């Protein structure tokens, strides 16, 4: 692709607004400093380097595993390239049903690919950790792009993934409690929050999905995006007004992403992980300067599809206050 991407994925309008196909699309495209293209086997040396960046040694895929992903589903594995260098990758495939994950093992996941499957499964997403790349938030970009493609593809009904908890160590019982607390908003796991902060719901745990993942006792967390239910912000506004006028109905509490989830993902991406035990810590105390505050505000605005005031992080100077404000809004 030529580097032209939607300015705000949440503002892309489709006709019909909801449904299983797209006839007309209205979007504002802008040129980005990178391009997104299909991955191929010539990228393998660089993809192996990204494995070293993105995973602990015991969780890294071998070259043969990566090759099989690319050859099994070549049209659903994408790389992000800038100045001729691959700086991020997302692997995905089609599966027939949610239940398929119960028989999958992460390193042999390509065996479950079904070209006729109506569910798109995110397998892995990795971006380079170079500061220049981190500042671009490519994890968010690639995820949004894949979900956007799935939304307008009549052959895809939903998107799933079996993610892992990045801030957990323990057994099966402790894991269920940990994930339940994340869903309830009592804590935020940065990796699970990467998905739930963008509209995914936690479905259930998947024991034995990653046997190599000792910290998580081999357990994966199944998440699902109902991409066909997504509509542009302007369409959401009109629909909500119509519902209020006719029935007084209010949007469901789960319809909005948790502000805390969003901040965990964004701040982690730019190199300032949120300190869970001190949500009242000021942004300046993290070492975040005014330019980075603008970046956080812009990322929030892009994800939510709204314009936010330039003084947002000054008006709400810590994670706790800003998250509560975003949830209210």
C-alpha atoms as a PDB file:
ATOM      1  CA  UNK A   1       0.000   0.000   0.000  1.00  0.00           C
ATOM      2  CA  UNK A   2       1.156   3.521  -0.731  1.00  0.00           C
ATOM      3  CA  UNK A   3       1.152   4.842   2.818  1.00  0.00           C
ATOM      4  CA  UNK A   4      -2.362   6.287   2.591  1.00  0.00           C
ATOM      5  CA  UNK A   5      -4.382   5.230   5.626  1.00  0.00           C
ATOM      6  CA  UNK A   6      -7.540   6.461   7.375  1.00  0.00           C
ATOM      7  CA  UNK A   7      -6.863   9.545   9.481  1.00  0.00           C
ATOM      8  CA  UNK A   8      -9.185   8.136  12.148  1.00  0.00           C
ATOM      9  CA  UNK A   9     -10.452   4.593  11.832  1.00  0.00           C
ATOM     10  CA  UNK A  10     -13.389   5.406  14.106  1.00  0.00           C
ATOM     11  CA  UNK A  11     -14.566   8.034  11.621  1.00  0.00           C
ATOM     12  CA  UNK A  12     -14.684   5.688   8.630  1.00  0.00           C
ATOM     13  CA  UNK A  13     -18.297   5.446   7.471  1.00  0.00           C
ATOM     14  CA  UNK A  14     -19.672   2.415   5.694  1.00  0.00           C
ATOM     15  CA  UNK A  15     -22.950   1.665   3.979  1.00  0.00           C
ATOM     16  CA  UNK A  16     -24.821  -0.241   5.242  1.00  0.00           C
ATOM     17  CA  UNK A  17     -23.800   1.160   8.634  1.00  0.00           C
ATOM     18  CA  UNK A  18     -24.156  -2.283  10.194  1.00  0.00           C
ATOM     19  CA  UNK A  19     -24.230  -5.691   8.641  1.00  0.00           C
ATOM     20  CA  UNK A  20     -22.136  -8.394   7.093  1.00  0.00           C
ATOM     21  CA  UNK A  21     -21.004  -6.552   3.972  1.00  0.00           C
ATOM     22  CA  UNK A  22     -19.845  -3.109   2.828  1.00  0.00           C
ATOM     23  CA  UNK A  23     -21.181  -1.501  -0.353  1.00  0.00           C
ATOM     24  CA  UNK A  24     -19.899   2.074   0.020  1.00  0.00           C
ATOM     25  CA  UNK A  25     -17.119   3.498   2.176  1.00  0.00           C
ATOM     26  CA  UNK A  26     -16.448   7.130   3.098  1.00  0.00           C
ATOM     27  CA  UNK A  27     -13.075   7.878   4.651  1.00  0.00           C
ATOM     28  CA  UNK A  28     -10.454  10.586   4.991  1.00  0.00           C
ATOM     29  CA  UNK A  29      -7.063   9.197   3.960  1.00  0.00           C
ATOM     30  CA  UNK A  30      -3.739  10.711   5.009  1.00  0.00           C
ATOM     31  CA  UNK A  31      -0.173   9.834   4.094  1.00  0.00           C
ATOM     32  CA  UNK A  32       1.809   8.178   6.865  1.00  0.00           C
ATOM     33  CA  UNK A  33       5.620   7.862   7.053  1.00  0.00           C
ATOM     34  CA  UNK A  34       5.252   4.093   6.754  1.00  0.00           C
ATOM     35  CA  UNK A  35       3.389   1.675   4.520  1.00  0.00           C
ATOM     36  CA  UNK A  36       1.577  -1.568   5.271  1.00  0.00           C
ATOM     37  CA  UNK A  37       2.023  -4.528   2.931  1.00  0.00           C
ATOM     38  CA  UNK A  38       1.701  -8.308   2.874  1.00  0.00           C
ATOM     39  CA  UNK A  39       4.541 -10.141   4.589  1.00  0.00           C
ATOM     40  CA  UNK A  40       6.481 -12.722   2.588  1.00  0.00           C
ATOM     41  CA  UNK A  41       9.235 -15.223   3.222  1.00  0.00           C
ATOM     42  CA  UNK A  42      11.946 -12.764   2.154  1.00  0.00           C
ATOM     43  CA  UNK A  43      11.111 -10.863   5.358  1.00  0.00           C
ATOM     44  CA  UNK A  44      12.019 -13.826   7.581  1.00  0.00           C
ATOM     45  CA  UNK A  45      15.482 -12.600   8.697  1.00  0.00           C
ATOM     46  CA  UNK A  46      13.969  -9.337   9.915  1.00  0.00           C
ATOM     47  CA  UNK A  47      10.936 -11.096  11.418  1.00  0.00           C
ATOM     48  CA  UNK A  48      13.288 -13.266  13.462  1.00  0.00           C
ATOM     49  CA  UNK A  49      14.885 -10.090  14.820  1.00  0.00           C
ATOM     50  CA  UNK A  50      11.465  -8.801  15.824  1.00  0.00           C
ATOM     51  CA  UNK A  51      10.818 -12.082  17.674  1.00  0.00           C
ATOM     52  CA  UNK A  52      13.860 -11.302  19.811  1.00  0.00           C
ATOM     53  CA  UNK A  53      12.483  -7.845  20.525  1.00  0.00           C
ATOM     54  CA  UNK A  54       8.922  -8.896  21.270  1.00  0.00           C
ATOM     55  CA  UNK A  55       9.132 -12.143  23.226  1.00  0.00           C
ATOM     56  CA  UNK A  56      11.034 -13.707  26.095  1.00  0.00           C
ATOM     57  CA  UNK A  57      13.422 -16.423  24.831  1.00  0.00           C
ATOM     58  CA  UNK A  58      11.140 -19.364  25.667  1.00  0.00           C
ATOM     59  CA  UNK A  59       8.199 -17.747  23.845  1.00  0.00           C
ATOM     60  CA  UNK A  60       9.964 -16.916  20.579  1.00  0.00           C
ATOM     61  CA  UNK A  61       8.876 -18.672  17.404  1.00  0.00           C
ATOM     62  CA  UNK A  62      11.450 -20.454  15.271  1.00  0.00           C
ATOM     63  CA  UNK A  63      12.026 -19.541  11.642  1.00  0.00           C
ATOM     64  CA  UNK A  64      10.060 -22.626  10.580  1.00  0.00           C
ATOM     65  CA  UNK A  65       7.066 -21.551  12.683  1.00  0.00           C
ATOM     66  CA  UNK A  66       7.107 -18.075  11.134  1.00  0.00           C
ATOM     67  CA  UNK A  67       7.525 -19.497   7.638  1.00  0.00           C
ATOM     68  CA  UNK A  68       4.500 -21.711   8.140  1.00  0.00           C
ATOM     69  CA  UNK A  69       2.406 -18.729   9.269  1.00  0.00           C
ATOM     70  CA  UNK A  70       3.334 -16.783   6.140  1.00  0.00           C
ATOM     71  CA  UNK A  71       2.795 -19.681   3.765  1.00  0.00           C
ATOM     72  CA  UNK A  72      -0.430 -20.900   5.392  1.00  0.00           C
ATOM     73  CA  UNK A  73      -2.262 -17.569   5.280  1.00  0.00           C
ATOM     74  CA  UNK A  74      -0.283 -15.128   3.091  1.00  0.00           C
ATOM     75  CA  UNK A  75      -3.084 -12.553   2.784  1.00  0.00           C
ATOM     76  CA  UNK A  76      -3.576 -12.067   6.524  1.00  0.00           C
ATOM     77  CA  UNK A  77       0.027 -11.525   7.623  1.00  0.00           C
ATOM     78  CA  UNK A  78       1.083  -7.887   7.289  1.00  0.00           C
ATOM     79  CA  UNK A  79       4.232  -5.890   7.919  1.00  0.00           C
ATOM     80  CA  UNK A  80       4.737  -2.208   8.504  1.00  0.00           C
ATOM     81  CA  UNK A  81       7.695  -0.838   6.547  1.00  0.00           C
ATOM     82  CA  UNK A  82       9.461   2.513   6.823  1.00  0.00           C
ATOM     83  CA  UNK A  83      12.472   3.625   4.780  1.00  0.00           C
ATOM     84  CA  UNK A  84      12.800   0.094   3.425  1.00  0.00           C
ATOM     85  CA  UNK A  85      12.934  -1.529   6.878  1.00  0.00           C
ATOM     86  CA  UNK A  86      10.261  -3.738   8.441  1.00  0.00           C
ATOM     87  CA  UNK A  87       9.432  -2.204  11.819  1.00  0.00           C
ATOM     88  CA  UNK A  88       6.316  -4.131  12.844  1.00  0.00           C
ATOM     89  CA  UNK A  89       4.381  -7.265  11.942  1.00  0.00           C
ATOM     90  CA  UNK A  90       0.973  -8.775  12.600  1.00  0.00           C
ATOM     91  CA  UNK A  91       0.207 -12.437  11.974  1.00  0.00           C
ATOM     92  CA  UNK A  92      -3.390 -13.589  11.512  1.00  0.00           C
ATOM     93  CA  UNK A  93      -5.362 -16.469  10.041  1.00  0.00           C
ATOM     94  CA  UNK A  94      -8.925 -17.700   9.496  1.00  0.00           C
ATOM     95  CA  UNK A  95     -10.580 -20.245  11.790  1.00  0.00           C
ATOM     96  CA  UNK A  96     -13.987 -21.903  11.702  1.00  0.00           C
ATOM     97  CA  UNK A  97     -15.194 -21.231  15.256  1.00  0.00           C
ATOM     98  CA  UNK A  98     -14.296 -19.990  18.720  1.00  0.00           C
ATOM     99  CA  UNK A  99     -13.966 -23.558  19.965  1.00  0.00           C
ATOM    100  CA  UNK A 100     -10.982 -24.150  17.684  1.00  0.00           C
ATOM    101  CA  UNK A 101      -8.741 -22.423  20.235  1.00  0.00           C
ATOM    102  CA  UNK A 102      -9.227 -25.317  22.672  1.00  0.00           C
ATOM    103  CA  UNK A 103      -7.240 -27.618  20.384  1.00  0.00           C
ATOM    104  CA  UNK A 104      -4.629 -25.050  19.332  1.00  0.00           C
ATOM    105  CA  UNK A 105      -1.095 -24.755  20.629  1.00  0.00           C
ATOM    106  CA  UNK A 106       0.633 -21.474  19.941  1.00  0.00           C
ATOM    107  CA  UNK A 107       3.672 -22.868  18.146  1.00  0.00           C
ATOM    108  CA  UNK A 108       1.477 -25.104  15.936  1.00  0.00           C
ATOM    109  CA  UNK A 109      -1.341 -22.612  15.501  1.00  0.00           C
ATOM    110  CA  UNK A 110      -1.181 -22.610  11.693  1.00  0.00           C
ATOM    111  CA  UNK A 111      -2.638 -26.131  11.680  1.00  0.00           C
ATOM    112  CA  UNK A 112      -6.001 -24.629  12.661  1.00  0.00           C
ATOM    113  CA  UNK A 113      -6.183 -22.270   9.662  1.00  0.00           C
ATOM    114  CA  UNK A 114      -9.354 -22.688   7.607  1.00  0.00           C
ATOM    115  CA  UNK A 115      -9.481 -20.593   4.396  1.00  0.00           C
ATOM    116  CA  UNK A 116     -13.288 -20.691   4.539  1.00  0.00           C
ATOM    117  CA  UNK A 117     -13.415 -19.740   8.211  1.00  0.00           C
ATOM    118  CA  UNK A 118     -15.502 -16.694   9.061  1.00  0.00           C
ATOM    119  CA  UNK A 119     -13.492 -15.729  12.141  1.00  0.00           C
ATOM    120  CA  UNK A 120     -10.179 -13.882  11.820  1.00  0.00           C
ATOM    121  CA  UNK A 121      -7.722 -14.903  14.513  1.00  0.00           C
ATOM    122  CA  UNK A 122      -4.944 -12.532  15.555  1.00  0.00           C
ATOM    123  CA  UNK A 123      -1.897 -14.696  16.204  1.00  0.00           C
ATOM    124  CA  UNK A 124       0.779 -12.172  17.206  1.00  0.00           C
ATOM    125  CA  UNK A 125       1.662  -8.500  16.826  1.00  0.00           C
ATOM    126  CA  UNK A 126       5.177  -7.150  17.343  1.00  0.00           C
ATOM    127  CA  UNK A 127       6.711  -3.729  16.770  1.00  0.00           C
ATOM    128  CA  UNK A 128      10.304  -2.592  17.072  1.00  0.00           C
ATOM    129  CA  UNK A 129      11.340  -1.043  20.374  1.00  0.00           C
ATOM    130  CA  UNK A 130      13.454   1.729  18.864  1.00  0.00           C
ATOM    131  CA  UNK A 131      12.322   5.049  20.427  1.00  0.00           C
ATOM    132  CA  UNK A 132      11.433   6.546  17.038  1.00  0.00           C
ATOM    133  CA  UNK A 133       9.201   3.564  16.279  1.00  0.00           C
ATOM    134  CA  UNK A 134       7.639   3.438  19.743  1.00  0.00           C
ATOM    135  CA  UNK A 135       6.594   7.066  19.449  1.00  0.00           C
ATOM    136  CA  UNK A 136       4.538   6.186  16.373  1.00  0.00           C
ATOM    137  CA  UNK A 137       2.328   3.723  18.240  1.00  0.00           C
ATOM    138  CA  UNK A 138       2.520   1.102  15.513  1.00  0.00           C
ATOM    139  CA  UNK A 139       0.908  -1.557  17.684  1.00  0.00           C
ATOM    140  CA  UNK A 140      -2.248   0.530  17.774  1.00  0.00           C
ATOM    141  CA  UNK A 141      -1.977   1.304  14.057  1.00  0.00           C
ATOM    142  CA  UNK A 142      -1.638  -2.303  12.922  1.00  0.00           C
ATOM    143  CA  UNK A 143      -4.386  -3.533  15.209  1.00  0.00           C
ATOM    144  CA  UNK A 144      -6.747  -0.799  14.012  1.00  0.00           C
ATOM    145  CA  UNK A 145      -5.876  -1.542  10.379  1.00  0.00           C
ATOM    146  CA  UNK A 146      -6.534  -5.289  10.689  1.00  0.00           C
ATOM    147  CA  UNK A 147      -9.825  -4.700  12.505  1.00  0.00           C
ATOM    148  CA  UNK A 148     -10.802  -2.175   9.839  1.00  0.00           C
ATOM    149  CA  UNK A 149     -10.132  -4.739   7.094  1.00  0.00           C
ATOM    150  CA  UNK A 150     -12.167  -7.329   8.969  1.00  0.00           C
ATOM    151  CA  UNK A 151     -15.009  -4.885   9.435  1.00  0.00           C
ATOM    152  CA  UNK A 152     -15.431  -4.305   5.688  1.00  0.00           C
ATOM    153  CA  UNK A 153     -14.746  -7.912   4.640  1.00  0.00           C
ATOM    154  CA  UNK A 154     -18.057  -9.754   4.081  1.00  0.00           C
ATOM    155  CA  UNK A 155     -16.279 -13.046   4.741  1.00  0.00           C
ATOM    156  CA  UNK A 156     -15.367 -12.141   8.327  1.00  0.00           C
ATOM    157  CA  UNK A 157     -17.888 -12.174  11.168  1.00  0.00           C
ATOM    158  CA  UNK A 158     -15.630 -11.335  14.116  1.00  0.00           C
ATOM    159  CA  UNK A 159     -11.995 -11.134  15.201  1.00  0.00           C
ATOM    160  CA  UNK A 160     -10.501 -13.149  18.046  1.00  0.00           C
ATOM    161  CA  UNK A 161      -7.142 -13.633  19.684  1.00  0.00           C
ATOM    162  CA  UNK A 162      -5.664 -15.676  22.508  1.00  0.00           C
ATOM    163  CA  UNK A 163      -3.527 -13.169  24.344  1.00  0.00           C
ATOM    164  CA  UNK A 164      -1.489 -13.471  27.532  1.00  0.00           C
ATOM    165  CA  UNK A 165      -1.267 -11.558  30.784  1.00  0.00           C
ATOM    166  CA  UNK A 166       1.946  -9.561  30.958  1.00  0.00           C
ATOM    167  CA  UNK A 167       1.748  -8.624  34.641  1.00  0.00           C
ATOM    168  CA  UNK A 168       0.766 -11.993  36.148  1.00  0.00           C
ATOM    169  CA  UNK A 169       2.503 -14.984  37.674  1.00  0.00           C
ATOM    170  CA  UNK A 170       0.531 -17.847  39.181  1.00  0.00           C
ATOM    171  CA  UNK A 171      -1.773 -20.784  38.561  1.00  0.00           C
ATOM    172  CA  UNK A 172      -5.178 -21.435  37.009  1.00  0.00           C
ATOM    173  CA  UNK A 173      -7.311 -20.260  39.942  1.00  0.00           C
ATOM    174  CA  UNK A 174      -5.284 -17.116  40.439  1.00  0.00           C
ATOM    175  CA  UNK A 175      -5.425 -16.369  36.711  1.00  0.00           C
ATOM    176  CA  UNK A 176      -9.232 -16.450  36.611  1.00  0.00           C
ATOM    177  CA  UNK A 177      -9.413 -14.055  39.547  1.00  0.00           C
ATOM    178  CA  UNK A 178      -6.787 -11.805  37.962  1.00  0.00           C
ATOM    179  CA  UNK A 179      -8.663 -11.609  34.652  1.00  0.00           C
ATOM    180  CA  UNK A 180     -12.006 -11.080  36.430  1.00  0.00           C
ATOM    181  CA  UNK A 181     -10.500  -8.135  38.299  1.00  0.00           C
ATOM    182  CA  UNK A 182      -9.230  -6.700  35.017  1.00  0.00           C
ATOM    183  CA  UNK A 183     -12.698  -6.982  33.471  1.00  0.00           C
ATOM    184  CA  UNK A 184     -14.202  -5.333  36.566  1.00  0.00           C
ATOM    185  CA  UNK A 185     -11.765  -2.425  36.259  1.00  0.00           C
ATOM    186  CA  UNK A 186     -10.082  -3.116  39.605  1.00  0.00           C
ATOM    187  CA  UNK A 187      -6.705  -3.653  37.941  1.00  0.00           C
ATOM    188  CA  UNK A 188      -5.402  -3.323  34.398  1.00  0.00           C
ATOM    189  CA  UNK A 189      -3.119  -5.812  32.716  1.00  0.00           C
ATOM    190  CA  UNK A 190      -1.255  -3.943  29.990  1.00  0.00           C
ATOM    191  CA  UNK A 191      -1.425  -6.706  27.363  1.00  0.00           C
ATOM    192  CA  UNK A 192      -5.041  -7.737  27.935  1.00  0.00           C
ATOM    193  CA  UNK A 193      -5.824  -4.023  28.206  1.00  0.00           C
ATOM    194  CA  UNK A 194      -4.312  -3.453  24.760  1.00  0.00           C
ATOM    195  CA  UNK A 195      -7.338  -5.327  23.428  1.00  0.00           C
ATOM    196  CA  UNK A 196     -10.095  -4.462  25.904  1.00  0.00           C
ATOM    197  CA  UNK A 197      -9.119  -0.812  25.642  1.00  0.00           C
ATOM    198  CA  UNK A 198     -10.074  -0.928  21.969  1.00  0.00           C
ATOM    199  CA  UNK A 199     -13.415  -2.647  22.367  1.00  0.00           C
ATOM    200  CA  UNK A 200     -12.610  -6.344  22.708  1.00  0.00           C
ATOM    201  CA  UNK A 201     -14.373  -8.417  25.337  1.00  0.00           C
ATOM    202  CA  UNK A 202     -12.779 -11.157  27.380  1.00  0.00           C
ATOM    203  CA  UNK A 203     -14.497 -14.458  26.535  1.00  0.00           C
ATOM    204  CA  UNK A 204     -12.733 -17.012  28.743  1.00  0.00           C
ATOM    205  CA  UNK A 205      -9.428 -18.630  29.625  1.00  0.00           C
ATOM    206  CA  UNK A 206      -7.782 -21.205  27.351  1.00  0.00           C
ATOM    207  CA  UNK A 207      -5.698 -23.655  29.425  1.00  0.00           C
ATOM    208  CA  UNK A 208      -2.625 -25.128  27.758  1.00  0.00           C
ATOM    209  CA  UNK A 209      -2.576 -22.686  24.843  1.00  0.00           C
ATOM    210  CA  UNK A 210       1.049 -21.630  25.452  1.00  0.00           C
ATOM    211  CA  UNK A 211       2.782 -24.501  27.274  1.00  0.00           C
ATOM    212  CA  UNK A 212       6.045 -22.520  27.084  1.00  0.00           C
ATOM    213  CA  UNK A 213       4.542 -19.615  29.059  1.00  0.00           C
ATOM    214  CA  UNK A 214       5.544 -20.521  32.603  1.00  0.00           C
ATOM    215  CA  UNK A 215       4.534 -17.148  34.068  1.00  0.00           C
ATOM    216  CA  UNK A 216       0.950 -17.726  32.904  1.00  0.00           C
ATOM    217  CA  UNK A 217       0.927 -21.480  33.647  1.00  0.00           C
ATOM    218  CA  UNK A 218       0.425 -22.052  29.909  1.00  0.00           C
ATOM    219  CA  UNK A 219      -2.966 -20.320  30.006  1.00  0.00           C
ATOM    220  CA  UNK A 220      -4.178 -17.949  27.287  1.00  0.00           C
ATOM    221  CA  UNK A 221      -6.966 -15.358  27.459  1.00  0.00           C
ATOM    222  CA  UNK A 222      -9.508 -15.518  24.635  1.00  0.00           C
ATOM    223  CA  UNK A 223     -10.689 -12.077  23.503  1.00  0.00           C
ATOM    224  CA  UNK A 224     -13.163 -11.148  20.770  1.00  0.00           C
ATOM    225  CA  UNK A 225     -13.887  -8.024  18.720  1.00  0.00           C
ATOM    226  CA  UNK A 226     -17.406  -7.770  17.276  1.00  0.00           C
ATOM    227  CA  UNK A 227     -16.212  -5.667  14.353  1.00  0.00           C
ATOM    228  CA  UNK A 228     -19.492  -5.819  12.422  1.00  0.00           C
ATOM    229  CA  UNK A 229     -21.165  -3.863  15.209  1.00  0.00           C
ATOM    230  CA  UNK A 230     -18.722  -0.978  14.894  1.00  0.00           C
ATOM    231  CA  UNK A 231     -19.927   2.268  13.340  1.00  0.00           C
ATOM    232  CA  UNK A 232     -18.287   5.654  12.896  1.00  0.00           C
ATOM    233  CA  UNK A 233     -18.530   8.132  15.764  1.00  0.00           C
ATOM    234  CA  UNK A 234     -20.923  10.368  13.854  1.00  0.00           C
ATOM    235  CA  UNK A 235     -23.166   7.380  13.174  1.00  0.00           C
ATOM    236  CA  UNK A 236     -23.024   6.332  16.827  1.00  0.00           C
ATOM    237  CA  UNK A 237     -24.069   9.835  17.846  1.00  0.00           C
ATOM    238  CA  UNK A 238     -27.052   9.851  15.503  1.00  0.00           C
ATOM    239  CA  UNK A 239     -28.121   6.377  16.599  1.00  0.00           C
ATOM    240  CA  UNK A 240     -27.838   7.251  20.277  1.00  0.00           C
ATOM    241  CA  UNK A 241     -29.907  10.407  19.802  1.00  0.00           C
ATOM    242  CA  UNK A 242     -32.567   8.418  17.985  1.00  0.00           C
ATOM    243  CA  UNK A 243     -32.751   5.836  20.760  1.00  0.00           C
ATOM    244  CA  UNK A 244     -32.988   8.511  23.413  1.00  0.00           C
ATOM    245  CA  UNK A 245     -35.765  10.312  21.550  1.00  0.00           C
ATOM    246  CA  UNK A 246     -37.856   7.172  20.997  1.00  0.00           C
ATOM    247  CA  UNK A 247     -37.275   5.077  24.090  1.00  0.00           C
ATOM    248  CA  UNK A 248     -35.098   6.978  26.538  1.00  0.00           C
ATOM    249  CA  UNK A 249     -32.555   4.168  26.295  1.00  0.00           C
ATOM    250  CA  UNK A 250     -28.958   4.868  27.281  1.00  0.00           C
ATOM    251  CA  UNK A 251     -25.852   3.200  25.861  1.00  0.00           C
ATOM    252  CA  UNK A 252     -24.878   0.042  27.684  1.00  0.00           C
ATOM    253  CA  UNK A 253     -22.142   0.525  30.314  1.00  0.00           C
ATOM    254  CA  UNK A 254     -19.821  -1.825  28.418  1.00  0.00           C
ATOM    255  CA  UNK A 255     -20.151   0.136  25.184  1.00  0.00           C
ATOM    256  CA  UNK A 256     -17.234   2.408  26.038  1.00  0.00           C
ATOM    257  CA  UNK A 257     -13.641   1.367  26.504  1.00  0.00           C
ATOM    258  CA  UNK A 258     -12.211   1.912  29.972  1.00  0.00           C
ATOM    259  CA  UNK A 259     -10.112   5.062  30.100  1.00  0.00           C
ATOM    260  CA  UNK A 260      -7.608   3.242  32.271  1.00  0.00           C
ATOM    261  CA  UNK A 261      -7.161   0.541  29.621  1.00  0.00           C
ATOM    262  CA  UNK A 262      -6.471   3.160  26.971  1.00  0.00           C
ATOM    263  CA  UNK A 263      -3.897   4.967  29.083  1.00  0.00           C
ATOM    264  CA  UNK A 264      -2.119   1.731  30.005  1.00  0.00           C
ATOM    265  CA  UNK A 265      -1.711   0.844  26.346  1.00  0.00           C
ATOM    266  CA  UNK A 266      -0.690   4.290  25.114  1.00  0.00           C
ATOM    267  CA  UNK A 267       1.764   5.065  27.917  1.00  0.00           C
ATOM    268  CA  UNK A 268       3.350   1.633  27.622  1.00  0.00           C
ATOM    269  CA  UNK A 269       3.743   2.152  23.865  1.00  0.00           C
ATOM    270  CA  UNK A 270       5.652   5.409  24.310  1.00  0.00           C
ATOM    271  CA  UNK A 271       7.893   4.047  27.047  1.00  0.00           C
ATOM    272  CA  UNK A 272       6.182   5.163  30.275  1.00  0.00           C
ATOM    273  CA  UNK A 273       4.353   2.109  31.721  1.00  0.00           C
ATOM    274  CA  UNK A 274       1.642   3.046  34.205  1.00  0.00           C
ATOM    275  CA  UNK A 275       2.492   2.247  37.824  1.00  0.00           C
ATOM    276  CA  UNK A 276      -0.561   0.264  38.933  1.00  0.00           C
ATOM    277  CA  UNK A 277       0.050   0.892  42.623  1.00  0.00           C
ATOM    278  CA  UNK A 278       0.268   4.668  42.192  1.00  0.00           C
ATOM    279  CA  UNK A 279      -2.392   5.853  39.739  1.00  0.00           C
ATOM    280  CA  UNK A 280      -2.240   9.301  41.326  1.00  0.00           C
ATOM    281  CA  UNK A 281       1.350   9.820  40.169  1.00  0.00           C
ATOM    282  CA  UNK A 282       1.542  12.953  38.029  1.00  0.00           C
ATOM    283  CA  UNK A 283       2.484  12.759  34.354  1.00  0.00           C
ATOM    284  CA  UNK A 284       5.424  15.099  34.934  1.00  0.00           C
ATOM    285  CA  UNK A 285       6.684  12.743  37.664  1.00  0.00           C
ATOM    286  CA  UNK A 286       6.940  10.002  35.041  1.00  0.00           C
ATOM    287  CA  UNK A 287       9.366  12.247  33.158  1.00  0.00           C
ATOM    288  CA  UNK A 288       6.801  12.985  30.463  1.00  0.00           C
ATOM    289  CA  UNK A 289       7.414  16.356  28.820  1.00  0.00           C
ATOM    290  CA  UNK A 290       4.907  18.665  27.156  1.00  0.00           C
ATOM    291  CA  UNK A 291       5.540  17.231  23.678  1.00  0.00           C
ATOM    292  CA  UNK A 292       4.824  13.701  24.893  1.00  0.00           C
ATOM    293  CA  UNK A 293       1.662  14.950  26.592  1.00  0.00           C
ATOM    294  CA  UNK A 294       0.504  16.177  23.201  1.00  0.00           C
ATOM    295  CA  UNK A 295       1.250  12.737  21.768  1.00  0.00           C
ATOM    296  CA  UNK A 296      -0.816  11.046  24.485  1.00  0.00           C
ATOM    297  CA  UNK A 297      -3.700  13.438  23.900  1.00  0.00           C
ATOM    298  CA  UNK A 298      -3.525  12.900  20.135  1.00  0.00           C
ATOM    299  CA  UNK A 299      -3.469   9.113  20.526  1.00  0.00           C
ATOM    300  CA  UNK A 300      -6.483   9.257  22.846  1.00  0.00           C
ATOM    301  CA  UNK A 301      -8.339  11.483  20.409  1.00  0.00           C
ATOM    302  CA  UNK A 302      -7.499   9.230  17.469  1.00  0.00           C
ATOM    303  CA  UNK A 303      -8.618   6.085  19.287  1.00  0.00           C
ATOM    304  CA  UNK A 304     -11.849   7.649  20.556  1.00  0.00           C
ATOM    305  CA  UNK A 305     -12.522   9.541  17.335  1.00  0.00           C
ATOM    306  CA  UNK A 306     -13.041  12.868  19.120  1.00  0.00           C
ATOM    307  CA  UNK A 307     -11.235  16.186  19.459  1.00  0.00           C
ATOM    308  CA  UNK A 308      -9.757  16.673  22.920  1.00  0.00           C
ATOM    309  CA  UNK A 309      -8.685  20.009  24.466  1.00  0.00           C
ATOM    310  CA  UNK A 310      -5.020  20.936  24.256  1.00  0.00           C
ATOM    311  CA  UNK A 311      -4.885  21.305  28.050  1.00  0.00           C
ATOM    312  CA  UNK A 312      -6.324  17.821  28.713  1.00  0.00           C
ATOM    313  CA  UNK A 313      -3.314  16.424  30.584  1.00  0.00           C
ATOM    314  CA  UNK A 314      -2.900  19.651  32.536  1.00  0.00           C
ATOM    315  CA  UNK A 315      -6.554  19.692  33.557  1.00  0.00           C
ATOM    316  CA  UNK A 316      -6.322  16.024  34.599  1.00  0.00           C
ATOM    317  CA  UNK A 317      -2.654  15.684  35.599  1.00  0.00           C
ATOM    318  CA  UNK A 318      -2.479  11.999  36.550  1.00  0.00           C
ATOM    319  CA  UNK A 319      -3.654   8.634  35.239  1.00  0.00           C
ATOM    320  CA  UNK A 320      -6.455   8.233  37.764  1.00  0.00           C
ATOM    321  CA  UNK A 321      -8.040  11.639  37.148  1.00  0.00           C
ATOM    322  CA  UNK A 322      -7.715  11.411  33.368  1.00  0.00           C
ATOM    323  CA  UNK A 323      -9.113   7.860  33.219  1.00  0.00           C
ATOM    324  CA  UNK A 324     -12.131   8.865  35.303  1.00  0.00           C
ATOM    325  CA  UNK A 325     -12.708  11.883  33.067  1.00  0.00           C
ATOM    326  CA  UNK A 326     -12.560   9.749  29.910  1.00  0.00           C
ATOM    327  CA  UNK A 327     -15.022   7.249  31.379  1.00  0.00           C
ATOM    328  CA  UNK A 328     -17.447  10.059  32.240  1.00  0.00           C
ATOM    329  CA  UNK A 329     -17.170  11.512  28.764  1.00  0.00           C
END
